[in-house]
C-alpha atoms as a PDB file:
ATOM      1  CA  UNK A   1     -51.400   2.303 -15.875  1.00  0.00           C
ATOM      2  CA  UNK A   2     -48.311   0.535 -17.133  1.00  0.00           C
ATOM      3  CA  UNK A   3     -46.091   2.089 -19.800  1.00  0.00           C
ATOM      4  CA  UNK A   4     -47.335  -0.171 -22.623  1.00  0.00           C
ATOM      5  CA  UNK A   5     -50.966   0.778 -21.978  1.00  0.00           C
ATOM      6  CA  UNK A   6     -50.113   4.455 -21.585  1.00  0.00           C
ATOM      7  CA  UNK A   7     -47.922   4.602 -24.734  1.00  0.00           C
ATOM      8  CA  UNK A   8     -50.393   2.692 -26.818  1.00  0.00           C
ATOM      9  CA  UNK A   9     -53.236   5.022 -25.848  1.00  0.00           C
ATOM     10  CA  UNK A  10     -51.006   8.089 -26.462  1.00  0.00           C
ATOM     11  CA  UNK A  11     -50.125   6.890 -30.004  1.00  0.00           C
ATOM     12  CA  UNK A  12     -53.757   6.374 -30.810  1.00  0.00           C
ATOM     13  CA  UNK A  13     -54.890   9.715 -29.333  1.00  0.00           C
ATOM     14  CA  UNK A  14     -52.175  11.662 -31.108  1.00  0.00           C
ATOM     15  CA  UNK A  15     -53.401  10.161 -34.338  1.00  0.00           C
ATOM     16  CA  UNK A  16     -56.972  11.089 -33.624  1.00  0.00           C
ATOM     17  CA  UNK A  17     -58.212   7.452 -34.033  1.00  0.00           C
ATOM     18  CA  UNK A  18     -61.038   5.880 -32.196  1.00  0.00           C
ATOM     19  CA  UNK A  19     -60.588   2.417 -30.672  1.00  0.00           C
ATOM     20  CA  UNK A  20     -62.798   0.990 -33.384  1.00  0.00           C
ATOM     21  CA  UNK A  21     -60.798   2.647 -36.201  1.00  0.00           C
ATOM     22  CA  UNK A  22     -57.417   1.508 -34.978  1.00  0.00           C
ATOM     23  CA  UNK A  23     -58.722  -2.015 -34.203  1.00  0.00           C
ATOM     24  CA  UNK A  24     -60.164  -2.343 -37.666  1.00  0.00           C
ATOM     25  CA  UNK A  25     -56.969  -1.022 -39.256  1.00  0.00           C
ATOM     26  CA  UNK A  26     -54.792  -3.567 -37.494  1.00  0.00           C
ATOM     27  CA  UNK A  27     -57.245  -6.473 -37.584  1.00  0.00           C
ATOM     28  CA  UNK A  28     -58.143  -6.981 -33.909  1.00  0.00           C
ATOM     29  CA  UNK A  29     -61.354  -6.383 -32.022  1.00  0.00           C
ATOM     30  CA  UNK A  30     -61.960  -2.971 -30.407  1.00  0.00           C
ATOM     31  CA  UNK A  31     -62.719  -4.819 -27.158  1.00  0.00           C
ATOM     32  CA  UNK A  32     -59.239  -6.404 -27.194  1.00  0.00           C
ATOM     33  CA  UNK A  33     -57.627  -3.060 -27.895  1.00  0.00           C
ATOM     34  CA  UNK A  34     -59.613  -1.487 -25.070  1.00  0.00           C
ATOM     35  CA  UNK A  35     -58.410  -4.115 -22.609  1.00  0.00           C
ATOM     36  CA  UNK A  36     -54.857  -3.340 -23.598  1.00  0.00           C
ATOM     37  CA  UNK A  37     -55.342   0.385 -23.080  1.00  0.00           C
ATOM     38  CA  UNK A  38     -57.062  -0.095 -19.744  1.00  0.00           C
ATOM     39  CA  UNK A  39     -54.100  -2.262 -18.634  1.00  0.00           C
ATOM     40  CA  UNK A  40     -56.392  -5.194 -18.032  1.00  0.00           C
ATOM     41  CA  UNK A  41     -54.387  -7.437 -20.365  1.00  0.00           C
ATOM     42  CA  UNK A  42     -50.928  -7.110 -21.830  1.00  0.00           C
ATOM     43  CA  UNK A  43     -50.963  -7.260 -25.617  1.00  0.00           C
ATOM     44  CA  UNK A  44     -49.629 -10.353 -27.329  1.00  0.00           C
ATOM     45  CA  UNK A  45     -46.409  -9.871 -29.169  1.00  0.00           C
ATOM     46  CA  UNK A  46     -48.173 -10.275 -32.455  1.00  0.00           C
ATOM     47  CA  UNK A  47     -50.697  -7.550 -31.636  1.00  0.00           C
ATOM     48  CA  UNK A  48     -48.004  -5.237 -30.238  1.00  0.00           C
ATOM     49  CA  UNK A  49     -46.147  -5.626 -33.506  1.00  0.00           C
ATOM     50  CA  UNK A  50     -49.285  -4.849 -35.472  1.00  0.00           C
ATOM     51  CA  UNK A  51     -49.719  -1.621 -33.472  1.00  0.00           C
ATOM     52  CA  UNK A  52     -46.052  -0.695 -33.909  1.00  0.00           C
ATOM     53  CA  UNK A  53     -46.127  -1.379 -37.625  1.00  0.00           C
ATOM     54  CA  UNK A  54     -49.288   0.750 -38.037  1.00  0.00           C
ATOM     55  CA  UNK A  55     -47.717   3.701 -36.255  1.00  0.00           C
ATOM     56  CA  UNK A  56     -44.238   3.029 -37.667  1.00  0.00           C
ATOM     57  CA  UNK A  57     -42.531   2.884 -34.306  1.00  0.00           C
ATOM     58  CA  UNK A  58     -40.132   0.229 -32.923  1.00  0.00           C
ATOM     59  CA  UNK A  59     -41.503  -2.179 -30.351  1.00  0.00           C
ATOM     60  CA  UNK A  60     -39.343  -0.486 -27.737  1.00  0.00           C
ATOM     61  CA  UNK A  61     -41.532   2.584 -28.177  1.00  0.00           C
ATOM     62  CA  UNK A  62     -44.462   0.764 -26.524  1.00  0.00           C
ATOM     63  CA  UNK A  63     -42.308  -0.352 -23.615  1.00  0.00           C
ATOM     64  CA  UNK A  64     -40.248   2.816 -23.047  1.00  0.00           C
ATOM     65  CA  UNK A  65     -42.274   5.586 -24.697  1.00  0.00           C
ATOM     66  CA  UNK A  66     -39.345   6.704 -26.828  1.00  0.00           C
ATOM     67  CA  UNK A  67     -37.261   5.483 -29.699  1.00  0.00           C
ATOM     68  CA  UNK A  68     -34.154   3.542 -28.962  1.00  0.00           C
ATOM     69  CA  UNK A  69     -30.701   4.951 -29.525  1.00  0.00           C
ATOM     70  CA  UNK A  70     -29.947   5.035 -33.175  1.00  0.00           C
ATOM     71  CA  UNK A  71     -26.588   6.846 -33.109  1.00  0.00           C
ATOM     72  CA  UNK A  72     -23.720   4.340 -32.995  1.00  0.00           C
ATOM     73  CA  UNK A  73     -20.050   5.059 -32.802  1.00  0.00           C
ATOM     74  CA  UNK A  74     -19.104   1.849 -34.523  1.00  0.00           C
ATOM     75  CA  UNK A  75     -19.298   2.454 -38.281  1.00  0.00           C
ATOM     76  CA  UNK A  76     -19.490  -1.254 -39.137  1.00  0.00           C
ATOM     77  CA  UNK A  77     -22.338  -1.826 -36.706  1.00  0.00           C
ATOM     78  CA  UNK A  78     -24.233   1.178 -38.016  1.00  0.00           C
ATOM     79  CA  UNK A  79     -23.764  -0.117 -41.620  1.00  0.00           C
ATOM     80  CA  UNK A  80     -25.216  -3.472 -40.577  1.00  0.00           C
ATOM     81  CA  UNK A  81     -28.252  -1.893 -38.903  1.00  0.00           C
ATOM     82  CA  UNK A  82     -28.936   0.221 -41.942  1.00  0.00           C
ATOM     83  CA  UNK A  83     -28.785  -2.866 -44.141  1.00  0.00           C
ATOM     84  CA  UNK A  84     -31.236  -4.745 -41.833  1.00  0.00           C
ATOM     85  CA  UNK A  85     -33.574  -1.790 -41.903  1.00  0.00           C
ATOM     86  CA  UNK A  86     -33.632  -1.902 -45.734  1.00  0.00           C
ATOM     87  CA  UNK A  87     -34.950  -5.531 -45.711  1.00  0.00           C
ATOM     88  CA  UNK A  88     -38.715  -5.894 -46.013  1.00  0.00           C
END
């Protein structure tokens, strides 16, 4: 199982959601979601983003299984990232 499939399934299981419940919540079919989790198909970018938005994790979480580094030594860069995070 690749990391994306494993991390996606782990997020869903930790939340106690069924395939159908998550699929309904993000607006895709449960069959599509199942193919992602079984590693038969890689999720489209749009569907990966829907999953990440639902679980409030960055897209890197699906790929790496962890959040990306958020501590920066450059104060100006950190300020810019915080400003970007505030846009909706």
